[in-house]
Amino acid sequence: MSELITDKAGVKRCSWSAAAPEFISYHDQEWGFPSIDDYALFEKLCLESFQSGLSWRTILVKRENFRRAFDHFNFHTVAQFNDQDVERLMSDASIVRNKRKITAVINNAQKAIELKAEFGSLAHFLWSYRVTPPAGFTPQSLTTSAESIALSKALKKRGWQFLGPTTLYAFMQSMGFINDHVEGCITRQKVEDALNALIIP
């Protein structure tokens, strides 16, 4: 569970934002803000799967390298990656070289195309699992939810890989499926406003 931290200017943020220099802008401008962009959603699913077993900072500092290596997570392109692409990615020291995770991204890109064909967009399907906080919920007190468990089962049934309930809850937190900023955080109301204005396809 996170608490608030106050900077020298008196600005209050979720305490995790002070853990690394890269986290301040990520916390203030990205984390928790909702997106209905299919490529942005797919990118975050992939990055969260790479993060499994590692720190988020490791992934965040390599994010531009991941984007370059995976064609900015255009799942239509990534779905066509072959054995030579896997070898190229395994020799790329600027990303996380885990063959199972790399091949999972390629597999998931293929499944993303199928999902989009079935539901019209990834956003339409994924946002149907928007988190409803339980009674008495305290932000950042959970690592999974009923929705992340259900989404993990649904994606696994469709052949997606490396997306367990904990990984998907982290995805949901970061993409605004729940406003998990702590009460009193400078960003919480901004995220709430963005969620209230969101129109899900």
Protein backbone atom coordinates (compact mmCIF):
# COMPACT_ATOMS: atom_id res chain seq x y z
CA MET A 1 0.00 0.00 0.00
CA SER A 2 1.33 3.41 -0.95
CA GLU A 3 1.36 6.59 1.08
CA LEU A 4 1.91 10.17 0.03
CA ILE A 5 5.21 11.93 -0.31
CA THR A 6 5.56 15.71 -0.42
CA ASP A 7 8.27 17.39 -2.50
CA LYS A 8 10.03 20.67 -1.77
CA ALA A 9 7.31 22.61 -3.60
CA GLY A 10 4.64 21.05 -1.42
CA VAL A 11 3.31 18.79 -4.17
CA LYS A 12 1.91 15.48 -2.90
CA ARG A 13 2.36 12.31 -4.92
CA CYS A 14 2.14 8.56 -4.46
CA SER A 15 5.27 7.62 -2.54
CA TRP A 16 6.50 5.15 -5.20
CA SER A 17 7.11 8.08 -7.54
CA ALA A 18 10.19 9.02 -5.51
CA ALA A 19 11.83 5.63 -5.93
CA ALA A 20 13.64 6.57 -9.17
CA PRO A 21 14.22 9.77 -11.18
CA GLU A 22 12.29 8.36 -14.15
CA PHE A 23 9.18 7.80 -12.05
CA ILE A 24 8.12 11.41 -11.45
CA SER A 25 7.10 12.21 -15.04
CA TYR A 26 5.73 8.68 -15.51
CA HIS A 27 3.57 9.10 -12.41
CA ASP A 28 2.41 12.62 -13.28
CA GLN A 29 1.76 12.17 -17.00
CA GLU A 30 1.10 8.50 -17.73
CA TRP A 31 0.34 6.15 -14.85
CA GLY A 32 -3.39 5.71 -14.44
CA PHE A 33 -4.45 7.87 -17.37
CA PRO A 34 -6.92 5.86 -19.50
CA SER A 35 -6.25 4.93 -23.11
CA ILE A 36 -8.43 3.39 -25.80
CA ASP A 37 -5.60 3.27 -28.35
CA ASP A 38 -5.12 -0.35 -29.38
CA TYR A 39 -1.39 0.02 -29.97
CA ALA A 40 -0.82 1.73 -26.63
CA LEU A 41 -2.79 -0.99 -24.87
CA PHE A 42 -0.87 -3.73 -26.67
CA GLU A 43 2.44 -2.06 -25.87
CA LYS A 44 1.65 -1.92 -22.18
CA LEU A 45 0.51 -5.55 -22.14
CA CYS A 46 3.85 -6.50 -23.69
CA LEU A 47 5.93 -4.32 -21.38
CA GLU A 48 4.13 -5.63 -18.31
CA SER A 49 4.81 -9.19 -19.45
CA PHE A 50 8.51 -8.33 -19.85
CA GLN A 51 8.46 -6.78 -16.38
CA SER A 52 7.43 -10.05 -14.74
CA GLY A 53 10.20 -10.95 -12.30
CA LEU A 54 11.99 -7.64 -12.86
CA SER A 55 11.61 -4.06 -11.64
CA TRP A 56 9.42 -1.64 -13.58
CA ARG A 57 12.34 0.80 -13.70
CA THR A 58 14.32 -1.78 -15.71
CA ILE A 59 11.56 -1.81 -18.31
CA LEU A 60 10.85 1.93 -18.27
CA VAL A 61 14.46 2.93 -18.97
CA LYS A 62 14.53 0.46 -21.89
CA ARG A 63 11.10 1.40 -23.25
CA GLU A 64 12.35 3.28 -26.30
CA ASN A 65 14.61 0.33 -27.12
CA PHE A 66 11.64 -2.01 -26.87
CA ARG A 67 9.64 0.26 -29.16
CA ARG A 68 12.39 0.25 -31.74
CA ALA A 69 12.90 -3.51 -31.51
CA PHE A 70 9.19 -4.31 -31.80
CA ASP A 71 8.20 -1.74 -34.45
CA HIS A 72 6.48 0.46 -31.85
CA PHE A 73 4.33 -2.53 -30.91
CA ASN A 74 2.38 -2.50 -34.13
CA PHE A 75 0.83 -5.92 -33.60
CA HIS A 76 0.11 -6.32 -37.31
CA THR A 77 3.86 -6.15 -37.99
CA VAL A 78 5.01 -8.06 -34.91
CA ALA A 79 2.65 -10.91 -35.78
CA GLN A 80 4.81 -11.53 -38.87
CA PHE A 81 8.08 -11.84 -36.93
CA ASN A 82 9.91 -15.10 -37.68
CA ASP A 83 12.81 -17.12 -36.28
CA GLN A 84 15.31 -14.62 -37.67
CA ASP A 85 13.55 -11.83 -35.81
CA VAL A 86 13.70 -13.84 -32.60
CA GLU A 87 17.44 -14.30 -33.11
CA ARG A 88 17.81 -10.56 -33.77
CA LEU A 89 15.94 -9.72 -30.58
CA MET A 90 17.89 -12.25 -28.53
CA SER A 91 21.12 -10.56 -29.63
CA ASP A 92 19.82 -7.06 -28.77
CA ALA A 93 21.42 -6.13 -25.44
CA SER A 94 19.31 -2.95 -25.21
CA ILE A 95 16.15 -4.93 -24.34
CA VAL A 96 15.39 -7.82 -22.00
CA ARG A 97 16.62 -10.94 -23.77
CA ASN A 98 14.20 -13.58 -22.58
CA LYS A 99 13.22 -15.92 -25.38
CA ARG A 100 9.96 -17.06 -23.79
CA LYS A 101 8.83 -13.46 -23.32
CA ILE A 102 9.93 -12.47 -26.83
CA THR A 103 8.05 -15.32 -28.44
CA ALA A 104 5.06 -14.55 -26.22
CA VAL A 105 4.93 -11.02 -27.64
CA ILE A 106 4.91 -12.41 -31.19
CA ASN A 107 2.22 -14.92 -30.27
CA ASN A 108 0.17 -12.24 -28.52
CA ALA A 109 0.43 -9.96 -31.55
CA GLN A 110 -1.17 -12.71 -33.62
CA LYS A 111 -3.89 -13.12 -30.99
CA ALA A 112 -4.42 -9.34 -30.90
CA ILE A 113 -5.28 -9.38 -34.60
CA GLU A 114 -7.82 -12.12 -33.94
CA LEU A 115 -9.26 -10.23 -30.97
CA LYS A 116 -9.61 -7.03 -32.98
CA ALA A 117 -11.37 -8.91 -35.77
CA GLU A 118 -13.80 -10.42 -33.27
CA PHE A 119 -14.57 -7.33 -31.15
CA GLY A 120 -13.72 -4.42 -33.42
CA SER A 121 -10.86 -3.23 -31.23
CA LEU A 122 -8.67 -4.39 -28.38
CA ALA A 123 -10.01 -1.47 -26.37
CA HIS A 124 -13.61 -2.67 -26.64
CA PHE A 125 -12.68 -6.10 -25.28
CA LEU A 126 -10.16 -5.04 -22.64
CA TRP A 127 -12.24 -2.21 -21.21
CA SER A 128 -15.12 -4.61 -20.58
CA TYR A 129 -12.94 -5.71 -17.64
CA ARG A 130 -12.73 -2.27 -16.05
CA VAL A 131 -12.13 -2.66 -12.32
CA THR A 132 -14.91 -1.94 -9.84
CA PRO A 133 -13.19 -1.17 -6.51
CA PRO A 134 -14.60 -3.21 -3.62
CA ALA A 135 -16.30 -1.52 -0.67
CA GLY A 136 -13.78 0.20 1.58
CA PHE A 137 -11.10 -0.05 -1.08
CA THR A 138 -7.77 1.64 -0.35
CA PRO A 139 -5.73 2.60 -3.45
CA GLN A 140 -2.68 0.45 -4.15
CA SER A 141 -3.74 -2.15 -1.58
CA LEU A 142 -4.31 -4.95 -4.12
CA THR A 143 -2.09 -6.90 -6.52
CA THR A 144 -4.95 -8.69 -8.27
CA SER A 145 -8.69 -8.20 -8.64
CA ALA A 146 -11.68 -10.23 -9.77
CA GLU A 147 -11.41 -8.43 -13.11
CA SER A 148 -7.71 -9.14 -13.62
CA ILE A 149 -8.31 -12.80 -12.80
CA ALA A 150 -11.21 -12.97 -15.23
CA LEU A 151 -9.27 -11.16 -17.96
CA SER A 152 -6.30 -13.47 -17.52
CA LYS A 153 -8.56 -16.50 -17.93
CA ALA A 154 -10.25 -14.98 -20.98
CA LEU A 155 -6.95 -14.15 -22.70
CA LYS A 156 -5.43 -17.53 -21.85
CA LYS A 157 -8.49 -19.23 -23.35
CA ARG A 158 -7.81 -17.27 -26.55
CA GLY A 159 -4.18 -18.36 -26.60
CA TRP A 160 -2.44 -15.31 -25.11
CA GLN A 161 0.73 -15.96 -23.08
CA PHE A 162 2.60 -14.48 -20.10
CA LEU A 163 -0.37 -12.47 -18.82
CA GLY A 164 -1.30 -13.70 -15.36
CA PRO A 165 -3.68 -11.90 -12.95
CA THR A 166 -0.91 -9.94 -11.20
CA THR A 167 0.64 -8.79 -14.47
CA LEU A 168 -2.77 -7.76 -15.75
CA TYR A 169 -3.64 -5.88 -12.57
CA ALA A 170 -0.45 -3.85 -13.01
CA PHE A 171 -1.56 -3.22 -16.59
CA MET A 172 -4.99 -2.12 -15.36
CA GLN A 173 -3.48 0.24 -12.79
CA SER A 174 -1.21 1.86 -15.34
CA MET A 175 -3.84 2.20 -18.07
CA GLY A 176 -6.60 3.66 -15.92
CA PHE A 177 -8.88 0.63 -15.59
CA ILE A 178 -8.87 1.70 -11.95
CA ASN A 179 -7.82 5.01 -10.42
CA ASP A 180 -5.18 3.70 -8.03
CA HIS A 181 -3.56 7.02 -7.17
CA VAL A 182 -3.61 7.63 -3.43
CA GLU A 183 -6.15 10.06 -2.02
CA GLY A 184 -4.50 13.49 -1.89
CA CYS A 185 -2.10 12.75 -4.76
CA ILE A 186 -1.84 15.64 -7.24
CA THR A 187 -2.59 13.28 -10.12
CA ARG A 188 -5.61 11.46 -8.70
CA GLN A 189 -8.22 14.04 -9.70
CA LYS A 190 -6.68 14.46 -13.16
CA VAL A 191 -7.04 10.72 -13.74
CA GLU A 192 -10.58 10.80 -12.38
CA ASP A 193 -11.50 13.60 -14.79
CA ALA A 194 -9.98 11.66 -17.70
CA LEU A 195 -11.93 8.56 -16.72
CA ASN A 196 -15.18 10.51 -16.48
CA ALA A 197 -14.61 11.88 -19.99
CA LEU A 198 -13.64 8.51 -21.46
CA ILE A 199 -15.76 7.11 -24.26
CA ILE A 200 -15.05 3.41 -24.73
CA PRO A 201 -15.54 2.10 -28.29
